[in-house]
Amino acid sequence: LYRTGGPEALADRPSRPNRTWNRIADDIRAQIVALALEAPDLSPREIAVRFTDERSYFVSEASVYRLLKAHDLITSPKFIVIKAAESF
């Protein structure tokens, strides 16, 4: 390495790859977020199924959930949990 590139060729380089092989592309991620904003009443599972059907690009429910959670689009449940400790 020193002969071909000089002292700079001996510098430490990161061992990680430049791109993760299974990462969803940024344009696809933007399309998923747009679909979630168009239909806010759909669950991550329903968004994943609709996206796969309409765009012929498979995304898992977990990937949709992580993406929506990162964009703060996951809504809280519509029910109220009452603890038994409050009653007794």
PDB file of N, CA and C in Angstrom:
ATOM      1  N   LEU A   1       0.819  -1.192   0.000  1.00  0.00           N
ATOM      2  CA  LEU A   1       0.000   0.000   0.000  1.00  0.00           C
ATOM      3  C   LEU A   1       0.864   1.258   0.000  1.00  0.00           C
ATOM      4  N   TYR A   2       1.975   1.218   0.749  1.00  0.00           N
ATOM      5  CA  TYR A   2       2.837   2.392   0.825  1.00  0.00           C
ATOM      6  C   TYR A   2       3.450   2.701  -0.535  1.00  0.00           C
ATOM      7  N   ARG A   3       3.829   1.650  -1.262  1.00  0.00           N
ATOM      8  CA  ARG A   3       4.454   1.858  -2.576  1.00  0.00           C
ATOM      9  C   ARG A   3       3.485   2.483  -3.569  1.00  0.00           C
ATOM     10  N   THR A   4       2.220   2.081  -3.518  1.00  0.00           N
ATOM     11  CA  THR A   4       1.261   2.594  -4.500  1.00  0.00           C
ATOM     12  C   THR A   4       0.605   3.898  -4.079  1.00  0.00           C
ATOM     13  N   GLY A   5       0.420   4.104  -2.764  1.00  0.00           N
ATOM     14  CA  GLY A   5      -0.328   5.278  -2.329  1.00  0.00           C
ATOM     15  C   GLY A   5       0.399   6.187  -1.368  1.00  0.00           C
ATOM     16  N   GLY A   6       1.606   5.842  -0.967  1.00  0.00           N
ATOM     17  CA  GLY A   6       2.347   6.673  -0.036  1.00  0.00           C
ATOM     18  C   GLY A   6       1.828   6.527   1.378  1.00  0.00           C
ATOM     19  N   PRO A   7       2.220   7.426   2.278  1.00  0.00           N
ATOM     20  CA  PRO A   7       1.823   7.310   3.687  1.00  0.00           C
ATOM     21  C   PRO A   7       0.311   7.418   3.900  1.00  0.00           C
ATOM     22  N   GLU A   8      -0.390   8.151   3.011  1.00  0.00           N
ATOM     23  CA  GLU A   8      -1.848   8.276   3.162  1.00  0.00           C
ATOM     24  C   GLU A   8      -2.554   6.939   2.994  1.00  0.00           C
ATOM     25  N   ALA A   9      -1.973   6.032   2.210  1.00  0.00           N
ATOM     26  CA  ALA A   9      -2.588   4.731   1.981  1.00  0.00           C
ATOM     27  C   ALA A   9      -2.546   3.861   3.227  1.00  0.00           C
ATOM     28  N   LEU A  10      -1.695   4.198   4.185  1.00  0.00           N
ATOM     29  CA  LEU A  10      -1.570   3.404   5.409  1.00  0.00           C
ATOM     30  C   LEU A  10      -2.515   3.882   6.510  1.00  0.00           C
ATOM     31  N   ALA A  11      -3.247   4.950   6.285  1.00  0.00           N
ATOM     32  CA  ALA A  11      -4.173   5.466   7.296  1.00  0.00           C
ATOM     33  C   ALA A  11      -5.301   4.474   7.549  1.00  0.00           C
ATOM     34  N   ASP A  12      -5.806   4.511   8.765  1.00  0.00           N
ATOM     35  CA  ASP A  12      -6.917   3.626   9.126  1.00  0.00           C
ATOM     36  C   ASP A  12      -8.158   3.981   8.320  1.00  0.00           C
ATOM     37  N   ARG A  13      -8.832   2.940   7.866  1.00  0.00           N
ATOM     38  CA  ARG A  13     -10.093   3.111   7.142  1.00  0.00           C
ATOM     39  C   ARG A  13     -11.181   2.378   7.905  1.00  0.00           C
ATOM     40  N   PRO A  14     -12.402   2.874   7.857  1.00  0.00           N
ATOM     41  CA  PRO A  14     -13.486   2.155   8.538  1.00  0.00           C
ATOM     42  C   PRO A  14     -13.751   0.820   7.844  1.00  0.00           C
ATOM     43  N   SER A  15     -14.044  -0.187   8.652  1.00  0.00           N
ATOM     44  CA  SER A  15     -14.269  -1.519   8.100  1.00  0.00           C
ATOM     45  C   SER A  15     -15.712  -1.755   7.693  1.00  0.00           C
ATOM     46  N   ARG A  16     -16.594  -0.816   8.005  1.00  0.00           N
ATOM     47  CA  ARG A  16     -17.997  -0.999   7.672  1.00  0.00           C
ATOM     48  C   ARG A  16     -18.237  -0.700   6.189  1.00  0.00           C
ATOM     49  N   PRO A  17     -19.233  -1.326   5.610  1.00  0.00           N
ATOM     50  CA  PRO A  17     -19.534  -1.056   4.196  1.00  0.00           C
ATOM     51  C   PRO A  17     -20.135   0.340   4.024  1.00  0.00           C
ATOM     52  N   ASN A  18     -20.075   0.852   2.821  1.00  0.00           N
ATOM     53  CA  ASN A  18     -20.615   2.174   2.532  1.00  0.00           C
ATOM     54  C   ASN A  18     -22.136   2.207   2.612  1.00  0.00           C
ATOM     55  N   ARG A  19     -22.772   1.112   2.262  1.00  0.00           N
ATOM     56  CA  ARG A  19     -24.233   1.065   2.225  1.00  0.00           C
ATOM     57  C   ARG A  19     -24.697  -0.283   2.755  1.00  0.00           C
ATOM     58  N   THR A  20     -25.763  -0.273   3.526  1.00  0.00           N
ATOM     59  CA  THR A  20     -26.343  -1.513   4.021  1.00  0.00           C
ATOM     60  C   THR A  20     -27.164  -2.140   2.905  1.00  0.00           C
ATOM     61  N   TRP A  21     -27.016  -3.420   2.694  1.00  0.00           N
ATOM     62  CA  TRP A  21     -27.619  -4.074   1.539  1.00  0.00           C
ATOM     63  C   TRP A  21     -29.137  -4.111   1.603  1.00  0.00           C
ATOM     64  N   ASN A  22     -29.716  -4.123   2.792  1.00  0.00           N
ATOM     65  CA  ASN A  22     -31.173  -4.243   2.880  1.00  0.00           C
ATOM     66  C   ASN A  22     -31.855  -2.957   3.330  1.00  0.00           C
ATOM     67  N   ARG A  23     -31.192  -1.835   3.230  1.00  0.00           N
ATOM     68  CA  ARG A  23     -31.781  -0.560   3.622  1.00  0.00           C
ATOM     69  C   ARG A  23     -32.789  -0.108   2.563  1.00  0.00           C
ATOM     70  N   ILE A  24     -33.915   0.387   3.037  1.00  0.00           N
ATOM     71  CA  ILE A  24     -34.936   0.902   2.130  1.00  0.00           C
ATOM     72  C   ILE A  24     -34.444   2.243   1.591  1.00  0.00           C
ATOM     73  N   ALA A  25     -34.534   2.407   0.299  1.00  0.00           N
ATOM     74  CA  ALA A  25     -34.051   3.631  -0.346  1.00  0.00           C
ATOM     75  C   ALA A  25     -34.817   4.850   0.166  1.00  0.00           C
ATOM     76  N   ASP A  26     -34.169   6.006   0.134  1.00  0.00           N
ATOM     77  CA  ASP A  26     -34.764   7.222   0.668  1.00  0.00           C
ATOM     78  C   ASP A  26     -36.037   7.625  -0.062  1.00  0.00           C
ATOM     79  N   ASP A  27     -36.089   7.424  -1.374  1.00  0.00           N
ATOM     80  CA  ASP A  27     -37.308   7.786  -2.108  1.00  0.00           C
ATOM     81  C   ASP A  27     -38.473   6.875  -1.730  1.00  0.00           C
ATOM     82  N   ILE A  28     -38.195   5.601  -1.481  1.00  0.00           N
ATOM     83  CA  ILE A  28     -39.243   4.664  -1.045  1.00  0.00           C
ATOM     84  C   ILE A  28     -39.709   5.053   0.362  1.00  0.00           C
ATOM     85  N   ARG A  29     -38.764   5.411   1.232  1.00  0.00           N
ATOM     86  CA  ARG A  29     -39.117   5.836   2.584  1.00  0.00           C
ATOM     87  C   ARG A  29     -40.034   7.059   2.535  1.00  0.00           C
ATOM     88  N   ALA A  30     -39.728   8.000   1.658  1.00  0.00           N
ATOM     89  CA  ALA A  30     -40.564   9.195   1.521  1.00  0.00           C
ATOM     90  C   ALA A  30     -41.961   8.826   1.027  1.00  0.00           C
ATOM     91  N   GLN A  31     -42.061   7.854   0.133  1.00  0.00           N
ATOM     92  CA  GLN A  31     -43.369   7.422  -0.367  1.00  0.00           C
ATOM     93  C   GLN A  31     -44.189   6.764   0.739  1.00  0.00           C
ATOM     94  N   ILE A  32     -43.525   5.999   1.611  1.00  0.00           N
ATOM     95  CA  ILE A  32     -44.232   5.351   2.718  1.00  0.00           C
ATOM     96  C   ILE A  32     -44.763   6.401   3.692  1.00  0.00           C
ATOM     97  N   VAL A  33     -43.943   7.392   4.006  1.00  0.00           N
ATOM     98  CA  VAL A  33     -44.380   8.467   4.908  1.00  0.00           C
ATOM     99  C   VAL A  33     -45.538   9.239   4.281  1.00  0.00           C
ATOM    100  N   ALA A  34     -45.458   9.499   2.973  1.00  0.00           N
ATOM    101  CA  ALA A  34     -46.543  10.213   2.289  1.00  0.00           C
ATOM    102  C   ALA A  34     -47.840   9.405   2.349  1.00  0.00           C
ATOM    103  N   LEU A  35     -47.742   8.097   2.161  1.00  0.00           N
ATOM    104  CA  LEU A  35     -48.925   7.240   2.240  1.00  0.00           C
ATOM    105  C   LEU A  35     -49.503   7.266   3.654  1.00  0.00           C
ATOM    106  N   ALA A  36     -48.638   7.269   4.656  1.00  0.00           N
ATOM    107  CA  ALA A  36     -49.106   7.315   6.046  1.00  0.00           C
ATOM    108  C   ALA A  36     -49.790   8.646   6.346  1.00  0.00           C
ATOM    109  N   LEU A  37     -49.308   9.718   5.760  1.00  0.00           N
ATOM    110  CA  LEU A  37     -49.925  11.021   5.979  1.00  0.00           C
ATOM    111  C   LEU A  37     -51.254  11.157   5.239  1.00  0.00           C
ATOM    112  N   GLU A  38     -51.381  10.466   4.102  1.00  0.00           N
ATOM    113  CA  GLU A  38     -52.646  10.480   3.346  1.00  0.00           C
ATOM    114  C   GLU A  38     -53.741   9.734   4.096  1.00  0.00           C
ATOM    115  N   ALA A  39     -53.370   8.655   4.764  1.00  0.00           N
ATOM    116  CA  ALA A  39     -54.347   7.816   5.473  1.00  0.00           C
ATOM    117  C   ALA A  39     -53.891   7.614   6.917  1.00  0.00           C
ATOM    118  N   PRO A  40     -54.082   8.605   7.778  1.00  0.00           N
ATOM    119  CA  PRO A  40     -53.575   8.507   9.156  1.00  0.00           C
ATOM    120  C   PRO A  40     -54.285   7.462  10.020  1.00  0.00           C
ATOM    121  N   ASP A  41     -55.444   6.976   9.578  1.00  0.00           N
ATOM    122  CA  ASP A  41     -56.175   5.991  10.361  1.00  0.00           C
ATOM    123  C   ASP A  41     -55.676   4.566  10.141  1.00  0.00           C
ATOM    124  N   LEU A  42     -54.761   4.343   9.191  1.00  0.00           N
ATOM    125  CA  LEU A  42     -54.256   3.007   8.914  1.00  0.00           C
ATOM    126  C   LEU A  42     -53.134   2.630   9.879  1.00  0.00           C
ATOM    127  N   SER A  43     -53.092   1.351  10.232  1.00  0.00           N
ATOM    128  CA  SER A  43     -52.022   0.840  11.087  1.00  0.00           C
ATOM    129  C   SER A  43     -50.777   0.579  10.236  1.00  0.00           C
ATOM    130  N   PRO A  44     -49.616   0.398  10.856  1.00  0.00           N
ATOM    131  CA  PRO A  44     -48.417   0.072  10.072  1.00  0.00           C
ATOM    132  C   PRO A  44     -48.589  -1.177   9.207  1.00  0.00           C
ATOM    133  N   ARG A  45     -49.334  -2.162   9.709  1.00  0.00           N
ATOM    134  CA  ARG A  45     -49.580  -3.373   8.920  1.00  0.00           C
ATOM    135  C   ARG A  45     -50.384  -3.048   7.665  1.00  0.00           C
ATOM    136  N   GLU A  46     -51.432  -2.252   7.834  1.00  0.00           N
ATOM    137  CA  GLU A  46     -52.274  -1.884   6.692  1.00  0.00           C
ATOM    138  C   GLU A  46     -51.513  -1.006   5.690  1.00  0.00           C
ATOM    139  N   ILE A  47     -50.659  -0.136   6.193  1.00  0.00           N
ATOM    140  CA  ILE A  47     -49.850   0.689   5.295  1.00  0.00           C
ATOM    141  C   ILE A  47     -48.889  -0.182   4.504  1.00  0.00           C
ATOM    142  N   ALA A  48     -48.263  -1.156   5.173  1.00  0.00           N
ATOM    143  CA  ALA A  48     -47.331  -2.055   4.480  1.00  0.00           C
ATOM    144  C   ALA A  48     -48.037  -2.847   3.387  1.00  0.00           C
ATOM    145  N   VAL A  49     -49.225  -3.349   3.693  1.00  0.00           N
ATOM    146  CA  VAL A  49     -49.983  -4.131   2.703  1.00  0.00           C
ATOM    147  C   VAL A  49     -50.412  -3.244   1.541  1.00  0.00           C
ATOM    148  N   ARG A  50     -50.927  -2.068   1.842  1.00  0.00           N
ATOM    149  CA  ARG A  50     -51.377  -1.163   0.780  1.00  0.00           C
ATOM    150  C   ARG A  50     -50.203  -0.727  -0.103  1.00  0.00           C
ATOM    151  N   PHE A  51     -49.067  -0.423   0.520  1.00  0.00           N
ATOM    152  CA  PHE A  51     -47.890  -0.005  -0.243  1.00  0.00           C
ATOM    153  C   PHE A  51     -47.418  -1.132  -1.154  1.00  0.00           C
ATOM    154  N   THR A  52     -47.404  -2.351  -0.635  1.00  0.00           N
ATOM    155  CA  THR A  52     -46.994  -3.499  -1.446  1.00  0.00           C
ATOM    156  C   THR A  52     -47.949  -3.717  -2.606  1.00  0.00           C
ATOM    157  N   ASP A  53     -49.245  -3.584  -2.359  1.00  0.00           N
ATOM    158  CA  ASP A  53     -50.234  -3.786  -3.414  1.00  0.00           C
ATOM    159  C   ASP A  53     -50.184  -2.699  -4.478  1.00  0.00           C
ATOM    160  N   GLU A  54     -50.091  -1.443  -4.035  1.00  0.00           N
ATOM    161  CA  GLU A  54     -50.161  -0.332  -4.986  1.00  0.00           C
ATOM    162  C   GLU A  54     -48.856  -0.083  -5.734  1.00  0.00           C
ATOM    163  N   ARG A  55     -47.741  -0.257  -5.070  1.00  0.00           N
ATOM    164  CA  ARG A  55     -46.455   0.110  -5.669  1.00  0.00           C
ATOM    165  C   ARG A  55     -45.600  -1.085  -6.067  1.00  0.00           C
ATOM    166  N   SER A  56     -46.065  -2.310  -5.775  1.00  0.00           N
ATOM    167  CA  SER A  56     -45.340  -3.544  -6.112  1.00  0.00           C
ATOM    168  C   SER A  56     -43.920  -3.547  -5.544  1.00  0.00           C
ATOM    169  N   TYR A  57     -43.763  -3.015  -4.339  1.00  0.00           N
ATOM    170  CA  TYR A  57     -42.480  -3.004  -3.637  1.00  0.00           C
ATOM    171  C   TYR A  57     -42.759  -3.473  -2.218  1.00  0.00           C
ATOM    172  N   PHE A  58     -42.175  -4.613  -1.832  1.00  0.00           N
ATOM    173  CA  PHE A  58     -42.483  -5.195  -0.532  1.00  0.00           C
ATOM    174  C   PHE A  58     -41.746  -4.459   0.586  1.00  0.00           C
ATOM    175  N   VAL A  59     -42.495  -4.061   1.595  1.00  0.00           N
ATOM    176  CA  VAL A  59     -41.929  -3.543   2.845  1.00  0.00           C
ATOM    177  C   VAL A  59     -42.623  -4.272   3.987  1.00  0.00           C
ATOM    178  N   SER A  60     -41.868  -4.583   5.005  1.00  0.00           N
ATOM    179  CA  SER A  60     -42.445  -5.313   6.128  1.00  0.00           C
ATOM    180  C   SER A  60     -43.170  -4.361   7.068  1.00  0.00           C
ATOM    181  N   GLU A  61     -44.046  -4.937   7.863  1.00  0.00           N
ATOM    182  CA  GLU A  61     -44.782  -4.156   8.854  1.00  0.00           C
ATOM    183  C   GLU A  61     -43.814  -3.530   9.854  1.00  0.00           C
ATOM    184  N   ALA A  62     -42.784  -4.276  10.239  1.00  0.00           N
ATOM    185  CA  ALA A  62     -41.809  -3.765  11.206  1.00  0.00           C
ATOM    186  C   ALA A  62     -41.036  -2.573  10.638  1.00  0.00           C
ATOM    187  N   SER A  63     -40.693  -2.644   9.373  1.00  0.00           N
ATOM    188  CA  SER A  63     -39.978  -1.534   8.749  1.00  0.00           C
ATOM    189  C   SER A  63     -40.856  -0.286   8.696  1.00  0.00           C
ATOM    190  N   VAL A  64     -42.125  -0.468   8.374  1.00  0.00           N
ATOM    191  CA  VAL A  64     -43.054   0.660   8.336  1.00  0.00           C
ATOM    192  C   VAL A  64     -43.211   1.241   9.732  1.00  0.00           C
ATOM    193  N   TYR A  65     -43.328   0.376  10.737  1.00  0.00           N
ATOM    194  CA  TYR A  65     -43.479   0.848  12.108  1.00  0.00           C
ATOM    195  C   TYR A  65     -42.263   1.668  12.540  1.00  0.00           C
ATOM    196  N   ARG A  66     -41.053   1.155  12.275  1.00  0.00           N
ATOM    197  CA  ARG A  66     -39.839   1.881  12.655  1.00  0.00           C
ATOM    198  C   ARG A  66     -39.747   3.220  11.935  1.00  0.00           C
ATOM    199  N   LEU A  67     -40.120   3.239  10.670  1.00  0.00           N
ATOM    200  CA  LEU A  67     -40.073   4.475   9.892  1.00  0.00           C
ATOM    201  C   LEU A  67     -41.068   5.501  10.427  1.00  0.00           C
ATOM    202  N   LEU A  68     -42.286   5.065  10.715  1.00  0.00           N
ATOM    203  CA  LEU A  68     -43.298   5.980  11.239  1.00  0.00           C
ATOM    204  C   LEU A  68     -42.948   6.452  12.646  1.00  0.00           C
ATOM    205  N   LYS A  69     -42.367   5.577  13.440  1.00  0.00           N
ATOM    206  CA  LYS A  69     -41.961   5.969  14.780  1.00  0.00           C
ATOM    207  C   LYS A  69     -40.845   7.014  14.715  1.00  0.00           C
ATOM    208  N   ALA A  70     -39.931   6.870  13.776  1.00  0.00           N
ATOM    209  CA  ALA A  70     -38.843   7.840  13.617  1.00  0.00           C
ATOM    210  C   ALA A  70     -39.383   9.212  13.204  1.00  0.00           C
ATOM    211  N   HIS A  71     -40.506   9.222  12.483  1.00  0.00           N
ATOM    212  CA  HIS A  71     -41.120  10.486  12.055  1.00  0.00           C
ATOM    213  C   HIS A  71     -42.218  10.933  13.015  1.00  0.00           C
ATOM    214  N   ASP A  72     -42.340  10.259  14.152  1.00  0.00           N
ATOM    215  CA  ASP A  72     -43.327  10.582  15.187  1.00  0.00           C
ATOM    216  C   ASP A  72     -44.755  10.541  14.645  1.00  0.00           C
ATOM    217  N   LEU A  73     -45.037   9.504  13.860  1.00  0.00           N
ATOM    218  CA  LEU A  73     -46.374   9.339  13.274  1.00  0.00           C
ATOM    219  C   LEU A  73     -47.154   8.183  13.885  1.00  0.00           C
ATOM    220  N   ILE A  74     -46.618   7.558  14.917  1.00  0.00           N
ATOM    221  CA  ILE A  74     -47.328   6.474  15.588  1.00  0.00           C
ATOM    222  C   ILE A  74     -48.242   7.102  16.625  1.00  0.00           C
ATOM    223  N   THR A  75     -49.526   6.826  16.514  1.00  0.00           N
ATOM    224  CA  THR A  75     -50.496   7.392  17.450  1.00  0.00           C
ATOM    225  C   THR A  75     -50.658   6.467  18.647  1.00  0.00           C
ATOM    226  N   SER A  76     -51.085   7.023  19.741  1.00  0.00           N
ATOM    227  CA  SER A  76     -51.319   6.228  20.941  1.00  0.00           C
ATOM    228  C   SER A  76     -52.626   5.457  20.775  1.00  0.00           C
ATOM    229  N   PRO A  77     -52.783   4.383  21.531  1.00  0.00           N
ATOM    230  CA  PRO A  77     -54.028   3.614  21.429  1.00  0.00           C
ATOM    231  C   PRO A  77     -55.243   4.464  21.789  1.00  0.00           C
ATOM    232  N   LYS A  78     -56.407   4.114  21.226  1.00  0.00           N
ATOM    233  CA  LYS A  78     -57.625   4.886  21.446  1.00  0.00           C
ATOM    234  C   LYS A  78     -58.394   4.438  22.687  1.00  0.00           C
ATOM    235  N   PHE A  79     -57.810   3.590  23.490  1.00  0.00           N
ATOM    236  CA  PHE A  79     -58.490   3.137  24.687  1.00  0.00           C
ATOM    237  C   PHE A  79     -57.687   3.565  25.919  1.00  0.00           C
ATOM    238  N   ILE A  80     -58.368   3.630  27.037  1.00  0.00           N
ATOM    239  CA  ILE A  80     -57.739   4.032  28.291  1.00  0.00           C
ATOM    240  C   ILE A  80     -57.583   2.791  29.160  1.00  0.00           C
ATOM    241  N   VAL A  81     -56.387   2.582  29.658  1.00  0.00           N
ATOM    242  CA  VAL A  81     -56.129   1.437  30.514  1.00  0.00           C
ATOM    243  C   VAL A  81     -56.354   1.858  31.947  1.00  0.00           C
ATOM    244  N   ILE A  82     -57.217   1.102  32.613  1.00  0.00           N
ATOM    245  CA  ILE A  82     -57.499   1.381  34.026  1.00  0.00           C
ATOM    246  C   ILE A  82     -56.828   0.288  34.843  1.00  0.00           C
ATOM    247  N   LYS A  83     -56.017   0.712  35.764  1.00  0.00           N
ATOM    248  CA  LYS A  83     -55.325  -0.249  36.630  1.00  0.00           C
ATOM    249  C   LYS A  83     -56.254  -0.686  37.754  1.00  0.00           C
ATOM    250  N   ALA A  84     -56.149  -1.944  38.115  1.00  0.00           N
ATOM    251  CA  ALA A  84     -56.974  -2.475  39.196  1.00  0.00           C
ATOM    252  C   ALA A  84     -56.562  -1.870  40.533  1.00  0.00           C
ATOM    253  N   ALA A  85     -55.324  -1.425  40.653  1.00  0.00           N
ATOM    254  CA  ALA A  85     -54.835  -0.870  41.920  1.00  0.00           C
ATOM    255  C   ALA A  85     -55.592   0.395  42.274  1.00  0.00           C
ATOM    256  N   GLU A  86     -56.084   1.127  41.289  1.00  0.00           N
ATOM    257  CA  GLU A  86     -56.833   2.350  41.577  1.00  0.00           C
ATOM    258  C   GLU A  86     -58.220   2.051  42.162  1.00  0.00           C
ATOM    259  N   SER A  87     -58.759   0.887  41.845  1.00  0.00           N
ATOM    260  CA  SER A  87     -60.095   0.528  42.321  1.00  0.00           C
ATOM    261  C   SER A  87     -60.066  -0.043  43.729  1.00  0.00           C
ATOM    262  N   PHE A  88     -58.972  -0.670  44.104  1.00  0.00           N
ATOM    263  CA  PHE A  88     -58.944  -1.362  45.390  1.00  0.00           C
ATOM    264  C   PHE A  88     -58.119  -0.589  46.393  1.00  0.00           C
TER     265      PHE A  88
END
